[in-house]
Protein backbone atom coordinates (compact mmCIF):
# COMPACT_ATOMS: atom_id res chain seq x y z
CA UNK A 1 0.00 0.00 0.00
CA UNK A 2 1.18 3.57 -0.59
CA UNK A 3 2.81 5.30 2.38
CA UNK A 4 1.85 8.78 3.60
CA UNK A 5 3.18 11.36 6.05
CA UNK A 6 0.50 13.41 7.80
CA UNK A 7 1.85 16.39 9.72
CA UNK A 8 -0.57 18.03 12.14
CA UNK A 9 -0.93 20.82 14.65
CA UNK A 10 -3.48 20.56 17.43
CA UNK A 11 -5.78 23.44 18.29
CA UNK A 12 -5.24 25.17 21.67
CA UNK A 13 -8.52 23.60 22.85
CA UNK A 14 -7.26 20.13 21.95
CA UNK A 15 -4.04 20.71 23.91
CA UNK A 16 -6.08 21.89 26.91
CA UNK A 17 -8.14 18.70 26.73
CA UNK A 18 -5.02 16.52 26.51
CA UNK A 19 -3.44 18.24 29.52
CA UNK A 20 -6.58 17.59 31.59
CA UNK A 21 -7.16 14.08 30.22
CA UNK A 22 -4.14 12.51 28.47
CA UNK A 23 -5.21 10.15 25.71
CA UNK A 24 -3.72 7.50 23.46
CA UNK A 25 -4.12 9.24 20.11
CA UNK A 26 -2.42 6.35 18.32
CA UNK A 27 -5.40 4.12 19.09
CA UNK A 28 -7.82 6.73 17.73
CA UNK A 29 -5.67 7.20 14.62
CA UNK A 30 -5.46 3.46 13.99
CA UNK A 31 -9.24 3.13 14.32
CA UNK A 32 -9.79 5.88 11.73
CA UNK A 33 -7.25 4.38 9.34
CA UNK A 34 -8.63 0.86 9.74
CA UNK A 35 -12.11 2.15 8.86
CA UNK A 36 -10.72 3.29 5.50
CA UNK A 37 -8.60 0.17 4.91
CA UNK A 38 -5.36 1.80 6.04
CA UNK A 39 -2.79 1.07 8.72
CA UNK A 40 -0.88 3.27 11.16
CA UNK A 41 2.89 2.73 10.98
CA UNK A 42 3.66 5.20 13.76
CA UNK A 43 2.51 8.37 15.49
CA UNK A 44 5.22 10.79 16.64
CA UNK A 45 5.25 14.16 18.39
CA UNK A 46 7.48 17.15 17.65
CA UNK A 47 6.61 19.81 20.26
CA UNK A 48 8.02 23.23 19.50
CA UNK A 49 8.33 22.51 15.78
CA UNK A 50 6.19 23.91 12.96
CA UNK A 51 3.82 20.96 13.44
CA UNK A 52 3.01 19.24 16.74
CA UNK A 53 3.51 15.80 15.30
CA UNK A 54 3.20 13.46 12.38
CA UNK A 55 1.80 10.10 11.50
CA UNK A 56 3.21 7.61 9.03
CA UNK A 57 0.45 5.49 7.57
CA UNK A 58 -0.53 3.28 4.71
CA UNK A 59 -3.69 3.85 2.70
CA UNK A 60 -5.08 2.04 -0.33
CA UNK A 61 -4.61 5.11 -2.59
CA UNK A 62 -4.22 8.90 -2.65
CA UNK A 63 -7.95 9.60 -2.66
CA UNK A 64 -8.45 7.44 0.42
CA UNK A 65 -5.53 9.13 2.19
CA UNK A 66 -7.11 12.51 1.45
CA UNK A 67 -10.48 11.28 2.77
CA UNK A 68 -8.75 10.18 5.99
CA UNK A 69 -7.20 13.63 6.37
CA UNK A 70 -10.51 15.37 5.69
CA UNK A 71 -12.28 13.21 8.27
CA UNK A 72 -9.55 13.94 10.83
CA UNK A 73 -9.64 17.71 10.24
CA UNK A 74 -13.45 17.73 10.32
CA UNK A 75 -13.32 16.45 13.91
CA UNK A 76 -12.16 19.96 14.89
CA UNK A 77 -9.11 19.19 17.04
CA UNK A 78 -6.50 20.17 14.45
CA UNK A 79 -5.54 23.72 13.58
CA UNK A 80 -3.61 22.75 10.43
CA UNK A 81 -2.30 19.72 8.61
CA UNK A 82 -0.21 18.63 5.63
CA UNK A 83 -0.45 15.34 3.74
CA UNK A 84 2.56 14.08 1.78
CA UNK A 85 2.97 10.91 -0.25
CA UNK A 86 6.15 9.08 0.80
CA UNK A 87 8.05 6.88 -1.65
CA UNK A 88 10.25 3.89 -0.81
CA UNK A 89 13.77 3.48 -2.17
CA UNK A 90 12.41 0.93 -4.67
CA UNK A 91 9.63 3.27 -5.83
CA UNK A 92 12.10 6.15 -6.19
CA UNK A 93 14.47 3.98 -8.23
CA UNK A 94 11.60 3.05 -10.56
CA UNK A 95 10.72 6.76 -10.94
CA UNK A 96 14.32 7.62 -11.78
CA UNK A 97 14.53 4.84 -14.36
CA UNK A 98 11.30 6.06 -15.94
CA UNK A 99 12.48 9.69 -15.89
CA UNK A 100 15.66 8.66 -17.69
CA UNK A 101 13.54 7.73 -20.74
CA UNK A 102 12.11 11.25 -21.13
CA UNK A 103 13.03 13.38 -24.14
CA UNK A 104 15.26 16.38 -23.42
CA UNK A 105 13.42 19.44 -22.14
CA UNK A 106 16.50 21.68 -22.27
CA UNK A 107 16.14 24.89 -24.28
CA UNK A 108 17.82 24.75 -27.69
CA UNK A 109 20.13 27.52 -28.89
CA UNK A 110 18.95 29.22 -32.08
CA UNK A 111 21.16 28.33 -35.07
C-alpha atoms as a PDB file:
ATOM      1  CA  UNK A   1       0.000   0.000   0.000  1.00  0.00           C
ATOM      2  CA  UNK A   2       1.176   3.571  -0.589  1.00  0.00           C
ATOM      3  CA  UNK A   3       2.810   5.298   2.383  1.00  0.00           C
ATOM      4  CA  UNK A   4       1.848   8.782   3.598  1.00  0.00           C
ATOM      5  CA  UNK A   5       3.180  11.362   6.049  1.00  0.00           C
ATOM      6  CA  UNK A   6       0.498  13.410   7.800  1.00  0.00           C
ATOM      7  CA  UNK A   7       1.849  16.395   9.723  1.00  0.00           C
ATOM      8  CA  UNK A   8      -0.570  18.026  12.137  1.00  0.00           C
ATOM      9  CA  UNK A   9      -0.929  20.824  14.648  1.00  0.00           C
ATOM     10  CA  UNK A  10      -3.477  20.561  17.433  1.00  0.00           C
ATOM     11  CA  UNK A  11      -5.776  23.444  18.291  1.00  0.00           C
ATOM     12  CA  UNK A  12      -5.244  25.165  21.669  1.00  0.00           C
ATOM     13  CA  UNK A  13      -8.524  23.604  22.854  1.00  0.00           C
ATOM     14  CA  UNK A  14      -7.258  20.128  21.947  1.00  0.00           C
ATOM     15  CA  UNK A  15      -4.042  20.707  23.913  1.00  0.00           C
ATOM     16  CA  UNK A  16      -6.081  21.889  26.913  1.00  0.00           C
ATOM     17  CA  UNK A  17      -8.141  18.698  26.733  1.00  0.00           C
ATOM     18  CA  UNK A  18      -5.016  16.517  26.515  1.00  0.00           C
ATOM     19  CA  UNK A  19      -3.443  18.240  29.521  1.00  0.00           C
ATOM     20  CA  UNK A  20      -6.577  17.589  31.594  1.00  0.00           C
ATOM     21  CA  UNK A  21      -7.161  14.082  30.225  1.00  0.00           C
ATOM     22  CA  UNK A  22      -4.143  12.513  28.469  1.00  0.00           C
ATOM     23  CA  UNK A  23      -5.210  10.153  25.710  1.00  0.00           C
ATOM     24  CA  UNK A  24      -3.719   7.497  23.464  1.00  0.00           C
ATOM     25  CA  UNK A  25      -4.123   9.240  20.112  1.00  0.00           C
ATOM     26  CA  UNK A  26      -2.418   6.350  18.316  1.00  0.00           C
ATOM     27  CA  UNK A  27      -5.400   4.120  19.090  1.00  0.00           C
ATOM     28  CA  UNK A  28      -7.817   6.729  17.727  1.00  0.00           C
ATOM     29  CA  UNK A  29      -5.670   7.198  14.616  1.00  0.00           C
ATOM     30  CA  UNK A  30      -5.463   3.459  13.985  1.00  0.00           C
ATOM     31  CA  UNK A  31      -9.244   3.130  14.322  1.00  0.00           C
ATOM     32  CA  UNK A  32      -9.786   5.879  11.726  1.00  0.00           C
ATOM     33  CA  UNK A  33      -7.248   4.376   9.343  1.00  0.00           C
ATOM     34  CA  UNK A  34      -8.633   0.860   9.742  1.00  0.00           C
ATOM     35  CA  UNK A  35     -12.111   2.150   8.858  1.00  0.00           C
ATOM     36  CA  UNK A  36     -10.717   3.290   5.498  1.00  0.00           C
ATOM     37  CA  UNK A  37      -8.603   0.172   4.912  1.00  0.00           C
ATOM     38  CA  UNK A  38      -5.364   1.803   6.043  1.00  0.00           C
ATOM     39  CA  UNK A  39      -2.792   1.073   8.720  1.00  0.00           C
ATOM     40  CA  UNK A  40      -0.880   3.269  11.162  1.00  0.00           C
ATOM     41  CA  UNK A  41       2.890   2.733  10.980  1.00  0.00           C
ATOM     42  CA  UNK A  42       3.664   5.201  13.761  1.00  0.00           C
ATOM     43  CA  UNK A  43       2.511   8.373  15.494  1.00  0.00           C
ATOM     44  CA  UNK A  44       5.215  10.791  16.636  1.00  0.00           C
ATOM     45  CA  UNK A  45       5.250  14.158  18.394  1.00  0.00           C
ATOM     46  CA  UNK A  46       7.480  17.148  17.654  1.00  0.00           C
ATOM     47  CA  UNK A  47       6.609  19.809  20.257  1.00  0.00           C
ATOM     48  CA  UNK A  48       8.015  23.226  19.502  1.00  0.00           C
ATOM     49  CA  UNK A  49       8.326  22.509  15.783  1.00  0.00           C
ATOM     50  CA  UNK A  50       6.194  23.906  12.962  1.00  0.00           C
ATOM     51  CA  UNK A  51       3.818  20.956  13.444  1.00  0.00           C
ATOM     52  CA  UNK A  52       3.007  19.244  16.744  1.00  0.00           C
ATOM     53  CA  UNK A  53       3.514  15.795  15.301  1.00  0.00           C
ATOM     54  CA  UNK A  54       3.200  13.465  12.383  1.00  0.00           C
ATOM     55  CA  UNK A  55       1.795  10.095  11.496  1.00  0.00           C
ATOM     56  CA  UNK A  56       3.205   7.612   9.029  1.00  0.00           C
ATOM     57  CA  UNK A  57       0.446   5.491   7.573  1.00  0.00           C
ATOM     58  CA  UNK A  58      -0.530   3.276   4.709  1.00  0.00           C
ATOM     59  CA  UNK A  59      -3.687   3.849   2.703  1.00  0.00           C
ATOM     60  CA  UNK A  60      -5.082   2.042  -0.333  1.00  0.00           C
ATOM     61  CA  UNK A  61      -4.606   5.109  -2.588  1.00  0.00           C
ATOM     62  CA  UNK A  62      -4.220   8.900  -2.646  1.00  0.00           C
ATOM     63  CA  UNK A  63      -7.953   9.604  -2.663  1.00  0.00           C
ATOM     64  CA  UNK A  64      -8.454   7.442   0.424  1.00  0.00           C
ATOM     65  CA  UNK A  65      -5.533   9.132   2.195  1.00  0.00           C
ATOM     66  CA  UNK A  66      -7.113  12.511   1.450  1.00  0.00           C
ATOM     67  CA  UNK A  67     -10.482  11.282   2.770  1.00  0.00           C
ATOM     68  CA  UNK A  68      -8.754  10.176   5.985  1.00  0.00           C
ATOM     69  CA  UNK A  69      -7.198  13.635   6.372  1.00  0.00           C
ATOM     70  CA  UNK A  70     -10.506  15.373   5.692  1.00  0.00           C
ATOM     71  CA  UNK A  71     -12.282  13.212   8.274  1.00  0.00           C
ATOM     72  CA  UNK A  72      -9.555  13.941  10.832  1.00  0.00           C
ATOM     73  CA  UNK A  73      -9.643  17.713  10.242  1.00  0.00           C
ATOM     74  CA  UNK A  74     -13.453  17.727  10.325  1.00  0.00           C
ATOM     75  CA  UNK A  75     -13.321  16.454  13.912  1.00  0.00           C
ATOM     76  CA  UNK A  76     -12.164  19.958  14.894  1.00  0.00           C
ATOM     77  CA  UNK A  77      -9.112  19.189  17.040  1.00  0.00           C
ATOM     78  CA  UNK A  78      -6.499  20.171  14.448  1.00  0.00           C
ATOM     79  CA  UNK A  79      -5.540  23.725  13.577  1.00  0.00           C
ATOM     80  CA  UNK A  80      -3.611  22.749  10.434  1.00  0.00           C
ATOM     81  CA  UNK A  81      -2.300  19.725   8.609  1.00  0.00           C
ATOM     82  CA  UNK A  82      -0.214  18.630   5.630  1.00  0.00           C
ATOM     83  CA  UNK A  83      -0.455  15.340   3.738  1.00  0.00           C
ATOM     84  CA  UNK A  84       2.557  14.079   1.782  1.00  0.00           C
ATOM     85  CA  UNK A  85       2.970  10.910  -0.255  1.00  0.00           C
ATOM     86  CA  UNK A  86       6.155   9.077   0.796  1.00  0.00           C
ATOM     87  CA  UNK A  87       8.055   6.882  -1.651  1.00  0.00           C
ATOM     88  CA  UNK A  88      10.246   3.894  -0.812  1.00  0.00           C
ATOM     89  CA  UNK A  89      13.765   3.480  -2.175  1.00  0.00           C
ATOM     90  CA  UNK A  90      12.413   0.934  -4.667  1.00  0.00           C
ATOM     91  CA  UNK A  91       9.630   3.272  -5.832  1.00  0.00           C
ATOM     92  CA  UNK A  92      12.102   6.149  -6.192  1.00  0.00           C
ATOM     93  CA  UNK A  93      14.468   3.976  -8.235  1.00  0.00           C
ATOM     94  CA  UNK A  94      11.602   3.047 -10.564  1.00  0.00           C
ATOM     95  CA  UNK A  95      10.718   6.758 -10.944  1.00  0.00           C
ATOM     96  CA  UNK A  96      14.322   7.616 -11.782  1.00  0.00           C
ATOM     97  CA  UNK A  97      14.530   4.839 -14.364  1.00  0.00           C
ATOM     98  CA  UNK A  98      11.299   6.058 -15.936  1.00  0.00           C
ATOM     99  CA  UNK A  99      12.475   9.688 -15.888  1.00  0.00           C
ATOM    100  CA  UNK A 100      15.664   8.655 -17.690  1.00  0.00           C
ATOM    101  CA  UNK A 101      13.537   7.727 -20.738  1.00  0.00           C
ATOM    102  CA  UNK A 102      12.113  11.252 -21.128  1.00  0.00           C
ATOM    103  CA  UNK A 103      13.032  13.382 -24.144  1.00  0.00           C
ATOM    104  CA  UNK A 104      15.257  16.378 -23.420  1.00  0.00           C
ATOM    105  CA  UNK A 105      13.418  19.440 -22.144  1.00  0.00           C
ATOM    106  CA  UNK A 106      16.505  21.679 -22.271  1.00  0.00           C
ATOM    107  CA  UNK A 107      16.140  24.892 -24.275  1.00  0.00           C
ATOM    108  CA  UNK A 108      17.821  24.752 -27.686  1.00  0.00           C
ATOM    109  CA  UNK A 109      20.133  27.516 -28.888  1.00  0.00           C
ATOM    110  CA  UNK A 110      18.953  29.216 -32.077  1.00  0.00           C
ATOM    111  CA  UNK A 111      21.164  28.327 -35.071  1.00  0.00           C
END
